PDB file of all heavy atoms in Angstrom:
ATOM      1  N   GLU A   1     -14.353-149.921 137.588  1.00  0.00           N
ATOM      2  CA  GLU A   1     -13.014-150.200 137.825  1.00  0.00           C
ATOM      3  C   GLU A   1     -12.300-150.535 136.601  1.00  0.00           C
ATOM      4  O   GLU A   1     -11.009-150.068 136.368  1.00  0.00           O
ATOM      5  CB  GLU A   1     -12.812-151.467 138.860  1.00  0.00           C
ATOM      6  CG  GLU A   1     -13.208-151.135 140.247  1.00  0.00           C
ATOM      7  CD  GLU A   1     -12.298-150.093 140.877  1.00  0.00           C
ATOM      8  OE1 GLU A   1     -10.964-150.155 140.521  1.00  0.00           O
ATOM      9  OE2 GLU A   1     -12.595-149.187 141.650  1.00  0.00           O
ATOM     10  N   ASP A   2     -12.759-151.256 135.651  1.00  0.00           N
ATOM     11  CA  ASP A   2     -12.095-151.629 134.414  1.00  0.00           C
ATOM     12  C   ASP A   2     -12.083-150.417 133.431  1.00  0.00           C
ATOM     13  O   ASP A   2     -11.278-150.485 132.510  1.00  0.00           O
ATOM     14  CB  ASP A   2     -12.905-152.838 133.785  1.00  0.00           C
ATOM     15  CG  ASP A   2     -14.258-152.480 133.373  1.00  0.00           C
ATOM     16  OD1 ASP A   2     -14.847-151.516 134.044  1.00  0.00           O
ATOM     17  OD2 ASP A   2     -14.870-153.160 132.663  1.00  0.00           O
ATOM     18  N   GLU A   3     -12.714-149.280 133.782  1.00  0.00           N
ATOM     19  CA  GLU A   3     -12.567-148.144 132.943  1.00  0.00           C
ATOM     20  C   GLU A   3     -11.735-147.057 133.554  1.00  0.00           C
ATOM     21  O   GLU A   3     -11.398-146.064 132.971  1.00  0.00           O
ATOM     22  CB  GLU A   3     -13.991-147.587 132.651  1.00  0.00           C
ATOM     23  CG  GLU A   3     -15.029-148.506 131.971  1.00  0.00           C
ATOM     24  CD  GLU A   3     -16.340-147.885 131.923  1.00  0.00           C
ATOM     25  OE1 GLU A   3     -16.853-147.400 132.988  1.00  0.00           O
ATOM     26  OE2 GLU A   3     -16.926-147.844 130.870  1.00  0.00           O
ATOM     27  N   ARG A   4     -11.362-147.184 134.869  1.00  0.00           N
ATOM     28  CA  ARG A   4     -10.768-146.189 135.672  1.00  0.00           C
ATOM     29  C   ARG A   4      -9.453-145.662 135.027  1.00  0.00           C
ATOM     30  O   ARG A   4      -9.250-144.416 135.041  1.00  0.00           O
ATOM     31  CB  ARG A   4     -10.470-146.759 137.049  1.00  0.00           C
ATOM     32  CG  ARG A   4     -10.267-145.776 138.087  1.00  0.00           C
ATOM     33  CD  ARG A   4      -9.966-146.294 139.442  1.00  0.00           C
ATOM     34  NE  ARG A   4      -9.732-145.386 140.417  1.00  0.00           N
ATOM     35  CZ  ARG A   4     -10.716-144.651 141.159  1.00  0.00           C
ATOM     36  NH1 ARG A   4     -11.922-144.881 140.883  1.00  0.00           N
ATOM     37  NH2 ARG A   4     -10.451-143.744 142.070  1.00  0.00           N
ATOM     38  N   GLU A   5      -8.698-146.553 134.466  1.00  0.00           N
ATOM     39  CA  GLU A   5      -7.407-146.028 133.942  1.00  0.00           C
ATOM     40  C   GLU A   5      -7.611-145.146 132.784  1.00  0.00           C
ATOM     41  O   GLU A   5      -6.881-143.982 132.680  1.00  0.00           O
ATOM     42  CB  GLU A   5      -6.658-147.222 133.402  1.00  0.00           C
ATOM     43  CG  GLU A   5      -5.143-146.848 132.890  1.00  0.00           C
ATOM     44  CD  GLU A   5      -4.467-148.126 132.520  1.00  0.00           C
ATOM     45  OE1 GLU A   5      -4.781-149.253 132.717  1.00  0.00           O
ATOM     46  OE2 GLU A   5      -3.347-147.916 131.842  1.00  0.00           O
ATOM     47  N   ALA A   6      -8.689-145.307 131.953  1.00  0.00           N
ATOM     48  CA  ALA A   6      -8.941-144.399 130.868  1.00  0.00           C
ATOM     49  C   ALA A   6      -9.335-142.949 131.345  1.00  0.00           C
ATOM     50  O   ALA A   6      -9.238-142.068 130.554  1.00  0.00           O
ATOM     51  CB  ALA A   6      -9.990-145.016 129.882  1.00  0.00           C
ATOM     52  N   TYR A   7      -9.863-142.912 132.515  1.00  0.00           N
ATOM     53  CA  TYR A   7     -10.384-141.672 133.015  1.00  0.00           C
ATOM     54  C   TYR A   7      -9.432-140.928 134.112  1.00  0.00           C
ATOM     55  O   TYR A   7      -9.795-140.011 134.745  1.00  0.00           O
ATOM     56  CB  TYR A   7     -11.673-141.830 133.749  1.00  0.00           C
ATOM     57  CG  TYR A   7     -12.826-142.117 132.771  1.00  0.00           C
ATOM     58  CD1 TYR A   7     -13.150-143.375 132.309  1.00  0.00           C
ATOM     59  CD2 TYR A   7     -13.646-141.016 132.405  1.00  0.00           C
ATOM     60  CE1 TYR A   7     -14.165-143.605 131.363  1.00  0.00           C
ATOM     61  CE2 TYR A   7     -14.670-141.317 131.336  1.00  0.00           C
ATOM     62  CZ  TYR A   7     -14.924-142.519 130.948  1.00  0.00           C
ATOM     63  OH  TYR A   7     -15.911-142.829 130.042  1.00  0.00           O
ATOM     64  N   THR A   8      -8.131-141.495 134.180  1.00  0.00           N
ATOM     65  CA  THR A   8      -7.233-141.014 135.099  1.00  0.00           C
ATOM     66  C   THR A   8      -6.084-140.287 134.426  1.00  0.00           C
ATOM     67  O   THR A   8      -5.545-140.933 133.441  1.00  0.00           O
ATOM     68  CB  THR A   8      -6.672-142.157 135.943  1.00  0.00           C
ATOM     69  OG1 THR A   8      -7.727-142.862 136.704  1.00  0.00           O
ATOM     70  CG2 THR A   8      -5.731-141.657 137.068  1.00  0.00           C
ATOM     71  N   ASP A   9      -5.755-139.130 134.848  1.00  0.00           N
ATOM     72  CA  ASP A   9      -4.662-138.370 134.145  1.00  0.00           C
ATOM     73  C   ASP A   9      -3.285-138.724 134.731  1.00  0.00           C
ATOM     74  O   ASP A   9      -3.209-139.578 135.584  1.00  0.00           O
ATOM     75  CB  ASP A   9      -4.910-136.896 134.101  1.00  0.00           C
ATOM     76  CG  ASP A   9      -4.852-136.237 135.647  1.00  0.00           C
ATOM     77  OD1 ASP A   9      -4.377-137.020 136.500  1.00  0.00           O
ATOM     78  OD2 ASP A   9      -5.371-135.118 135.773  1.00  0.00           O
ATOM     79  N   SER A  10      -2.285-138.096 134.266  1.00  0.00           N
ATOM     80  CA  SER A  10      -0.861-138.470 134.690  1.00  0.00           C
ATOM     81  C   SER A  10      -0.649-138.067 136.135  1.00  0.00           C
ATOM     82  O   SER A  10       0.278-138.703 136.689  1.00  0.00           O
ATOM     83  CB  SER A  10       0.112-137.747 133.804  1.00  0.00           C
ATOM     84  OG  SER A  10      -0.088-136.329 133.869  1.00  0.00           O
ATOM     85  N   GLU A  11      -1.418-137.339 136.741  1.00  0.00           N
ATOM     86  CA  GLU A  11      -1.276-136.937 138.154  1.00  0.00           C
ATOM     87  C   GLU A  11      -2.196-137.718 139.073  1.00  0.00           C
ATOM     88  O   GLU A  11      -2.249-137.454 140.247  1.00  0.00           O
ATOM     89  CB  GLU A  11      -1.435-135.350 138.250  1.00  0.00           C
ATOM     90  CG  GLU A  11      -0.418-134.543 137.536  1.00  0.00           C
ATOM     91  CD  GLU A  11      -0.660-133.076 137.735  1.00  0.00           C
ATOM     92  OE1 GLU A  11      -1.628-132.674 138.497  1.00  0.00           O
ATOM     93  OE2 GLU A  11       0.157-132.316 137.174  1.00  0.00           O
ATOM     94  N   GLY A  12      -2.867-138.610 138.421  1.00  0.00           N
ATOM     95  CA  GLY A  12      -3.726-139.529 139.248  1.00  0.00           C
ATOM     96  C   GLY A  12      -5.187-138.955 139.504  1.00  0.00           C
ATOM     97  O   GLY A  12      -5.950-139.560 140.262  1.00  0.00           O
ATOM     98  N   PHE A  13      -5.484-137.824 138.833  1.00  0.00           N
ATOM     99  CA  PHE A  13      -6.842-137.297 138.958  1.00  0.00           C
ATOM    100  C   PHE A  13      -7.764-138.213 138.117  1.00  0.00           C
ATOM    101  O   PHE A  13      -7.624-138.359 136.979  1.00  0.00           O
ATOM    102  CB  PHE A  13      -6.868-135.844 138.552  1.00  0.00           C
ATOM    103  CG  PHE A  13      -8.305-135.232 138.620  1.00  0.00           C
ATOM    104  CD1 PHE A  13      -8.776-134.841 139.875  1.00  0.00           C
ATOM    105  CD2 PHE A  13      -9.125-135.157 137.458  1.00  0.00           C
ATOM    106  CE1 PHE A  13     -10.094-134.305 139.883  1.00  0.00           C
ATOM    107  CE2 PHE A  13     -10.347-134.666 137.551  1.00  0.00           C
ATOM    108  CZ  PHE A  13     -10.842-134.174 138.807  1.00  0.00           C
ATOM    109  N   VAL A  14      -8.938-138.544 138.752  1.00  0.00           N
ATOM    110  CA  VAL A  14      -9.895-139.409 138.029  1.00  0.00           C
ATOM    111  C   VAL A  14     -11.031-138.532 137.526  1.00  0.00           C
ATOM    112  O   VAL A  14     -11.744-137.862 138.412  1.00  0.00           O
ATOM    113  CB  VAL A  14     -10.481-140.585 139.016  1.00  0.00           C
ATOM    114  CG1 VAL A  14     -11.418-141.358 138.240  1.00  0.00           C
ATOM    115  CG2 VAL A  14      -9.382-141.406 139.543  1.00  0.00           C
ATOM    116  N   TYR A  15     -11.255-138.393 136.289  1.00  0.00           N
ATOM    117  CA  TYR A  15     -12.307-137.696 135.694  1.00  0.00           C
ATOM    118  C   TYR A  15     -13.630-138.417 135.765  1.00  0.00           C
ATOM    119  O   TYR A  15     -13.637-139.620 135.760  1.00  0.00           O
ATOM    120  CB  TYR A  15     -12.039-137.308 134.198  1.00  0.00           C
ATOM    121  CG  TYR A  15     -10.904-136.352 134.095  1.00  0.00           C
ATOM    122  CD1 TYR A  15      -9.597-136.749 133.901  1.00  0.00           C
ATOM    123  CD2 TYR A  15     -11.115-134.912 134.113  1.00  0.00           C
ATOM    124  CE1 TYR A  15      -8.540-135.907 133.748  1.00  0.00           C
ATOM    125  CE2 TYR A  15     -10.112-134.078 133.924  1.00  0.00           C
ATOM    126  CZ  TYR A  15      -8.774-134.493 133.747  1.00  0.00           C
ATOM    127  OH  TYR A  15      -7.747-133.611 133.526  1.00  0.00           O
ATOM    128  N   PRO A  16     -14.755-137.689 135.944  1.00  0.00           N
ATOM    129  CA  PRO A  16     -16.033-138.230 136.006  1.00  0.00           C
ATOM    130  C   PRO A  16     -16.425-138.956 134.622  1.00  0.00           C
ATOM    131  O   PRO A  16     -15.954-138.491 133.607  1.00  0.00           O
ATOM    132  CB  PRO A  16     -16.976-137.209 136.340  1.00  0.00           C
ATOM    133  CG  PRO A  16     -16.297-135.920 135.906  1.00  0.00           C
ATOM    134  CD  PRO A  16     -14.869-136.159 136.049  1.00  0.00           C
ATOM    135  N   LYS A  17     -17.215-139.964 134.647  1.00  0.00           N
ATOM    136  CA  LYS A  17     -17.693-140.552 133.436  1.00  0.00           C
ATOM    137  C   LYS A  17     -18.989-139.886 133.080  1.00  0.00           C
ATOM    138  O   LYS A  17     -19.950-140.010 133.927  1.00  0.00           O
ATOM    139  CB  LYS A  17     -17.897-142.029 133.608  1.00  0.00           C
ATOM    140  CG  LYS A  17     -18.422-142.763 132.395  1.00  0.00           C
ATOM    141  CD  LYS A  17     -18.592-144.237 132.624  1.00  0.00           C
ATOM    142  CE  LYS A  17     -19.208-144.872 131.345  1.00  0.00           C
ATOM    143  NZ  LYS A  17     -19.399-146.426 131.583  1.00  0.00           N
ATOM    144  N   ILE A  18     -19.095-139.125 132.053  1.00  0.00           N
ATOM    145  CA  ILE A  18     -20.157-138.281 131.736  1.00  0.00           C
ATOM    146  C   ILE A  18     -21.099-138.965 130.594  1.00  0.00           C
ATOM    147  O   ILE A  18     -20.509-139.280 129.537  1.00  0.00           O
ATOM    148  CB  ILE A  18     -19.799-136.925 131.370  1.00  0.00           C
ATOM    149  CG1 ILE A  18     -19.133-136.119 132.497  1.00  0.00           C
ATOM    150  CG2 ILE A  18     -21.031-136.064 130.862  1.00  0.00           C
ATOM    151  CD1 ILE A  18     -18.509-134.863 132.176  1.00  0.00           C
ATOM    152  N   THR A  19     -22.334-139.020 130.895  1.00  0.00           N
ATOM    153  CA  THR A  19     -23.227-139.539 129.784  1.00  0.00           C
ATOM    154  C   THR A  19     -24.284-138.323 129.485  1.00  0.00           C
ATOM    155  O   THR A  19     -24.751-137.728 130.334  1.00  0.00           O
ATOM    156  CB  THR A  19     -24.152-140.659 130.392  1.00  0.00           C
ATOM    157  OG1 THR A  19     -23.211-141.789 130.711  1.00  0.00           O
ATOM    158  CG2 THR A  19     -25.137-141.136 129.320  1.00  0.00           C
ATOM    159  N   LEU A  20     -24.399-138.171 128.098  1.00  0.00           N
ATOM    160  CA  LEU A  20     -25.338-137.208 127.711  1.00  0.00           C
ATOM    161  C   LEU A  20     -26.571-138.030 127.243  1.00  0.00           C
ATOM    162  O   LEU A  20     -26.503-138.718 126.198  1.00  0.00           O
ATOM    163  CB  LEU A  20     -24.773-136.400 126.535  1.00  0.00           C
ATOM    164  CG  LEU A  20     -23.490-135.623 126.839  1.00  0.00           C
ATOM    165  CD1 LEU A  20     -23.127-134.797 125.533  1.00  0.00           C
ATOM    166  CD2 LEU A  20     -23.712-134.712 127.985  1.00  0.00           C
ATOM    167  N   ALA A  21     -27.581-138.040 128.081  1.00  0.00           N
ATOM    168  CA  ALA A  21     -28.655-139.048 127.995  1.00  0.00           C
ATOM    169  C   ALA A  21     -29.746-138.487 127.133  1.00  0.00           C
ATOM    170  O   ALA A  21     -30.158-137.327 127.185  1.00  0.00           O
ATOM    171  CB  ALA A  21     -29.203-139.403 129.361  1.00  0.00           C
ATOM    172  N   SER A  22     -30.334-139.402 126.362  1.00  0.00           N
ATOM    173  CA  SER A  22     -31.536-139.110 125.484  1.00  0.00           C
ATOM    174  C   SER A  22     -32.890-139.369 126.349  1.00  0.00           C
ATOM    175  O   SER A  22     -32.680-140.192 127.219  1.00  0.00           O
ATOM    176  CB  SER A  22     -31.562-139.904 124.219  1.00  0.00           C
ATOM    177  OG  SER A  22     -30.479-139.599 123.468  1.00  0.00           O
ATOM    178  N   ILE A  23     -33.906-138.591 126.021  1.00  0.00           N
ATOM    179  CA  ILE A  23     -35.141-138.846 126.760  1.00  0.00           C
ATOM    180  C   ILE A  23     -35.933-139.960 125.908  1.00  0.00           C
ATOM    181  O   ILE A  23     -36.604-140.846 126.542  1.00  0.00           O
ATOM    182  CB  ILE A  23     -35.897-137.621 126.836  1.00  0.00           C
ATOM    183  CG1 ILE A  23     -35.266-136.647 127.803  1.00  0.00           C
ATOM    184  CG2 ILE A  23     -37.439-137.927 127.278  1.00  0.00           C
ATOM    185  CD1 ILE A  23     -36.020-135.216 128.063  1.00  0.00           C
ATOM    186  N   ASN A  24     -35.809-139.925 124.647  1.00  0.00           N
ATOM    187  CA  ASN A  24     -36.454-140.875 123.797  1.00  0.00           C
ATOM    188  C   ASN A  24     -35.779-142.198 123.862  1.00  0.00           C
ATOM    189  O   ASN A  24     -34.531-142.257 123.560  1.00  0.00           O
ATOM    190  CB  ASN A  24     -36.432-140.372 122.219  1.00  0.00           C
ATOM    191  CG  ASN A  24     -37.312-141.257 121.396  1.00  0.00           C
ATOM    192  OD1 ASN A  24     -37.450-142.412 121.712  1.00  0.00           O
ATOM    193  ND2 ASN A  24     -37.508-140.813 120.190  1.00  0.00           N
ATOM    194  N   PRO A  25     -36.407-143.250 124.422  1.00  0.00           N
ATOM    195  CA  PRO A  25     -35.742-144.577 124.547  1.00  0.00           C
ATOM    196  C   PRO A  25     -35.318-145.205 123.337  1.00  0.00           C
ATOM    197  O   PRO A  25     -34.465-146.114 123.317  1.00  0.00           O
ATOM    198  CB  PRO A  25     -36.843-145.368 125.298  1.00  0.00           C
ATOM    199  CG  PRO A  25     -38.145-144.731 124.879  1.00  0.00           C
ATOM    200  CD  PRO A  25     -37.901-143.292 124.753  1.00  0.00           C
ATOM    201  N   ALA A  26     -35.773-144.711 122.139  1.00  0.00           N
ATOM    202  CA  ALA A  26     -35.417-145.326 120.875  1.00  0.00           C
ATOM    203  C   ALA A  26     -33.990-144.709 120.396  1.00  0.00           C
ATOM    204  O   ALA A  26     -33.541-145.145 119.438  1.00  0.00           O
ATOM    205  CB  ALA A  26     -36.441-145.078 119.795  1.00  0.00           C
ATOM    206  N   CYS A  27     -33.578-143.744 121.093  1.00  0.00           N
ATOM    207  CA  CYS A  27     -32.307-143.028 120.640  1.00  0.00           C
ATOM    208  C   CYS A  27     -31.166-143.360 121.687  1.00  0.00           C
ATOM    209  O   CYS A  27     -31.333-143.365 122.924  1.00  0.00           O
ATOM    210  CB  CYS A  27     -32.483-141.589 120.540  1.00  0.00           C
ATOM    211  SG  CYS A  27     -33.689-141.065 119.269  1.00  0.00           S
ATOM    212  N   ALA A  28     -29.956-143.532 121.193  1.00  0.00           N
ATOM    213  CA  ALA A  28     -28.918-143.888 121.990  1.00  0.00           C
ATOM    214  C   ALA A  28     -28.328-142.709 122.767  1.00  0.00           C
ATOM    215  O   ALA A  28     -28.441-141.570 122.310  1.00  0.00           O
ATOM    216  CB  ALA A  28     -27.707-144.453 121.116  1.00  0.00           C
ATOM    217  N   ASP A  29     -27.608-142.983 123.920  1.00  0.00           N
ATOM    218  CA  ASP A  29     -27.039-141.946 124.782  1.00  0.00           C
ATOM    219  C   ASP A  29     -25.719-141.640 124.187  1.00  0.00           C
ATOM    220  O   ASP A  29     -25.156-142.403 123.339  1.00  0.00           O
ATOM    221  CB  ASP A  29     -26.844-142.324 126.199  1.00  0.00           C
ATOM    222  CG  ASP A  29     -28.207-142.567 126.898  1.00  0.00           C
ATOM    223  OD1 ASP A  29     -29.233-142.004 126.403  1.00  0.00           O
ATOM    224  OD2 ASP A  29     -28.261-143.275 127.886  1.00  0.00           O
ATOM    225  N   VAL A  30     -25.105-140.570 124.521  1.00  0.00           N
ATOM    226  CA  VAL A  30     -23.653-140.202 124.037  1.00  0.00           C
ATOM    227  C   VAL A  30     -22.724-140.265 125.231  1.00  0.00           C
ATOM    228  O   VAL A  30     -23.026-139.607 126.295  1.00  0.00           O
ATOM    229  CB  VAL A  30     -23.603-138.780 123.514  1.00  0.00           C
ATOM    230  CG1 VAL A  30     -22.260-138.427 123.135  1.00  0.00           C
ATOM    231  CG2 VAL A  30     -24.602-138.580 122.258  1.00  0.00           C
ATOM    232  N   GLN A  31     -21.771-141.223 125.151  1.00  0.00           N
ATOM    233  CA  GLN A  31     -20.816-141.325 126.235  1.00  0.00           C
ATOM    234  C   GLN A  31     -19.620-140.405 125.936  1.00  0.00           C
ATOM    235  O   GLN A  31     -19.074-140.517 124.925  1.00  0.00           O
ATOM    236  CB  GLN A  31     -20.346-142.805 126.319  1.00  0.00           C
ATOM    237  CG  GLN A  31     -21.442-143.781 126.586  1.00  0.00           C
ATOM    238  CD  GLN A  31     -21.984-143.676 127.992  1.00  0.00           C
ATOM    239  OE1 GLN A  31     -21.339-143.109 128.898  1.00  0.00           O
ATOM    240  NE2 GLN A  31     -23.218-144.068 128.156  1.00  0.00           N
ATOM    241  N   VAL A  32     -19.282-139.531 126.903  1.00  0.00           N
ATOM    242  CA  VAL A  32     -18.213-138.557 126.672  1.00  0.00           C
ATOM    243  C   VAL A  32     -16.786-139.177 127.026  1.00  0.00           C
ATOM    244  O   VAL A  32     -16.623-139.709 128.154  1.00  0.00           O
ATOM    245  CB  VAL A  32     -18.463-137.332 127.618  1.00  0.00           C
ATOM    246  CG1 VAL A  32     -17.297-136.360 127.492  1.00  0.00           C
ATOM    247  CG2 VAL A  32     -19.734-136.669 127.120  1.00  0.00           C
ATOM    248  N   ARG A  33     -15.927-139.214 126.120  1.00  0.00           N
ATOM    249  CA  ARG A  33     -14.533-139.733 126.315  1.00  0.00           C
ATOM    250  C   ARG A  33     -13.754-138.628 126.953  1.00  0.00           C
ATOM    251  O   ARG A  33     -13.918-137.420 126.537  1.00  0.00           O
ATOM    252  CB  ARG A  33     -13.999-140.203 125.023  1.00  0.00           C
ATOM    253  CG  ARG A  33     -14.572-141.455 124.471  1.00  0.00           C
ATOM    254  CD  ARG A  33     -14.031-141.765 123.082  1.00  0.00           C
ATOM    255  NE  ARG A  33     -12.597-141.582 123.037  1.00  0.00           N
ATOM    256  CZ  ARG A  33     -11.875-141.671 121.879  1.00  0.00           C
ATOM    257  NH1 ARG A  33     -12.453-141.995 120.743  1.00  0.00           N
ATOM    258  NH2 ARG A  33     -10.556-141.561 121.851  1.00  0.00           N
ATOM    259  N   PRO A  34     -12.935-138.941 127.838  1.00  0.00           N
ATOM    260  CA  PRO A  34     -12.193-137.919 128.583  1.00  0.00           C
ATOM    261  C   PRO A  34     -11.011-137.256 127.811  1.00  0.00           C
ATOM    262  O   PRO A  34     -10.524-136.188 128.111  1.00  0.00           O
ATOM    263  CB  PRO A  34     -11.538-138.777 129.809  1.00  0.00           C
ATOM    264  CG  PRO A  34     -11.553-140.096 129.329  1.00  0.00           C
ATOM    265  CD  PRO A  34     -12.725-140.322 128.487  1.00  0.00           C
ATOM    266  N   ASP A  35     -10.714-137.945 126.681  1.00  0.00           N
ATOM    267  CA  ASP A  35      -9.605-137.483 125.761  1.00  0.00           C
ATOM    268  C   ASP A  35     -10.101-136.370 124.728  1.00  0.00           C
ATOM    269  O   ASP A  35      -9.355-136.023 123.909  1.00  0.00           O
ATOM    270  CB  ASP A  35      -8.786-138.559 125.208  1.00  0.00           C
ATOM    271  CG  ASP A  35      -9.732-139.566 124.330  1.00  0.00           C
ATOM    272  OD1 ASP A  35     -10.847-139.669 124.631  1.00  0.00           O
ATOM    273  OD2 ASP A  35      -9.158-140.031 123.377  1.00  0.00           O
ATOM    274  N   LEU A  36     -11.427-136.208 124.663  1.00  0.00           N
ATOM    275  CA  LEU A  36     -12.008-135.325 123.651  1.00  0.00           C
ATOM    276  C   LEU A  36     -12.567-134.088 124.293  1.00  0.00           C
ATOM    277  O   LEU A  36     -12.948-134.139 125.492  1.00  0.00           O
ATOM    278  CB  LEU A  36     -13.113-136.083 122.886  1.00  0.00           C
ATOM    279  CG  LEU A  36     -12.619-137.371 122.034  1.00  0.00           C
ATOM    280  CD1 LEU A  36     -13.837-137.979 121.402  1.00  0.00           C
ATOM    281  CD2 LEU A  36     -11.606-136.929 120.978  1.00  0.00           C
ATOM    282  N   GLU A  37     -12.582-132.999 123.574  1.00  0.00           N
ATOM    283  CA  GLU A  37     -13.065-131.790 124.056  1.00  0.00           C
ATOM    284  C   GLU A  37     -14.521-131.925 124.499  1.00  0.00           C
ATOM    285  O   GLU A  37     -15.391-132.355 123.725  1.00  0.00           O
ATOM    286  CB  GLU A  37     -12.861-130.643 123.054  1.00  0.00           C
ATOM    287  CG  GLU A  37     -13.141-129.282 123.696  1.00  0.00           C
ATOM    288  CD  GLU A  37     -13.910-128.405 122.700  1.00  0.00           C
ATOM    289  OE1 GLU A  37     -14.439-128.836 121.695  1.00  0.00           O
ATOM    290  OE2 GLU A  37     -14.032-127.155 122.989  1.00  0.00           O
ATOM    291  N   PHE A  38     -14.928-131.372 125.707  1.00  0.00           N
ATOM    292  CA  PHE A  38     -16.295-131.311 126.167  1.00  0.00           C
ATOM    293  C   PHE A  38     -16.428-130.058 127.007  1.00  0.00           C
ATOM    294  O   PHE A  38     -15.639-129.743 127.850  1.00  0.00           O
ATOM    295  CB  PHE A  38     -16.517-132.615 127.073  1.00  0.00           C
ATOM    296  CG  PHE A  38     -17.819-132.530 127.718  1.00  0.00           C
ATOM    297  CD1 PHE A  38     -19.012-132.727 127.003  1.00  0.00           C
ATOM    298  CD2 PHE A  38     -17.970-132.105 129.133  1.00  0.00           C
ATOM    299  CE1 PHE A  38     -20.299-132.675 127.670  1.00  0.00           C
ATOM    300  CE2 PHE A  38     -19.132-132.189 129.711  1.00  0.00           C
ATOM    301  CZ  PHE A  38     -20.301-132.348 129.040  1.00  0.00           C
ATOM    302  N   ARG A  39     -17.564-129.322 126.653  1.00  0.00           N
ATOM    303  CA  ARG A  39     -17.876-128.098 127.420  1.00  0.00           C
ATOM    304  C   ARG A  39     -19.307-128.020 127.577  1.00  0.00           C
ATOM    305  O   ARG A  39     -20.182-128.488 126.742  1.00  0.00           O
ATOM    306  CB  ARG A  39     -17.384-126.903 126.562  1.00  0.00           C
ATOM    307  CG  ARG A  39     -15.907-126.615 126.613  1.00  0.00           C
ATOM    308  CD  ARG A  39     -15.609-125.326 125.981  1.00  0.00           C
ATOM    309  NE  ARG A  39     -16.003-125.213 124.575  1.00  0.00           N
ATOM    310  CZ  ARG A  39     -16.900-124.273 124.117  1.00  0.00           C
ATOM    311  NH1 ARG A  39     -17.465-123.474 124.913  1.00  0.00           N
ATOM    312  NH2 ARG A  39     -17.190-124.265 122.849  1.00  0.00           N
ATOM    313  N   ILE A  40     -19.774-127.544 128.759  1.00  0.00           N
ATOM    314  CA  ILE A  40     -21.137-127.269 129.078  1.00  0.00           C
ATOM    315  C   ILE A  40     -21.364-125.844 128.608  1.00  0.00           C
ATOM    316  O   ILE A  40     -20.608-124.859 128.934  1.00  0.00           O
ATOM    317  CB  ILE A  40     -21.358-127.369 130.620  1.00  0.00           C
ATOM    318  CG1 ILE A  40     -21.273-128.799 131.023  1.00  0.00           C
ATOM    319  CG2 ILE A  40     -22.823-126.885 130.901  1.00  0.00           C
ATOM    320  CD1 ILE A  40     -21.308-129.024 132.607  1.00  0.00           C
ATOM    321  N   ILE A  41     -22.385-125.699 127.751  1.00  0.00           N
ATOM    322  CA  ILE A  41     -22.775-124.302 127.247  1.00  0.00           C
ATOM    323  C   ILE A  41     -23.787-123.668 128.143  1.00  0.00           C
ATOM    324  O   ILE A  41     -23.630-122.504 128.467  1.00  0.00           O
ATOM    325  CB  ILE A  41     -23.224-124.396 125.751  1.00  0.00           C
ATOM    326  CG1 ILE A  41     -22.134-124.986 124.906  1.00  0.00           C
ATOM    327  CG2 ILE A  41     -23.719-123.061 125.320  1.00  0.00           C
ATOM    328  CD1 ILE A  41     -20.973-124.130 124.766  1.00  0.00           C
ATOM    329  N   GLY A  42     -24.708-124.322 128.510  1.00  0.00           N
ATOM    330  CA  GLY A  42     -25.739-123.798 129.434  1.00  0.00           C
ATOM    331  C   GLY A  42     -26.867-124.770 129.817  1.00  0.00           C
ATOM    332  O   GLY A  42     -26.840-125.784 129.340  1.00  0.00           O
TER     333      GLY A  42
END
């Protein structure tokens, strides 16, 4: 809820919060910000 505004566009559409997760527990995950370019390649 406290993040919802950052993921909502001007028309009220709420984007998903995407995490690019690491398998190695010693490495940090990557949190995808909705205002930056993001594409699935494959």
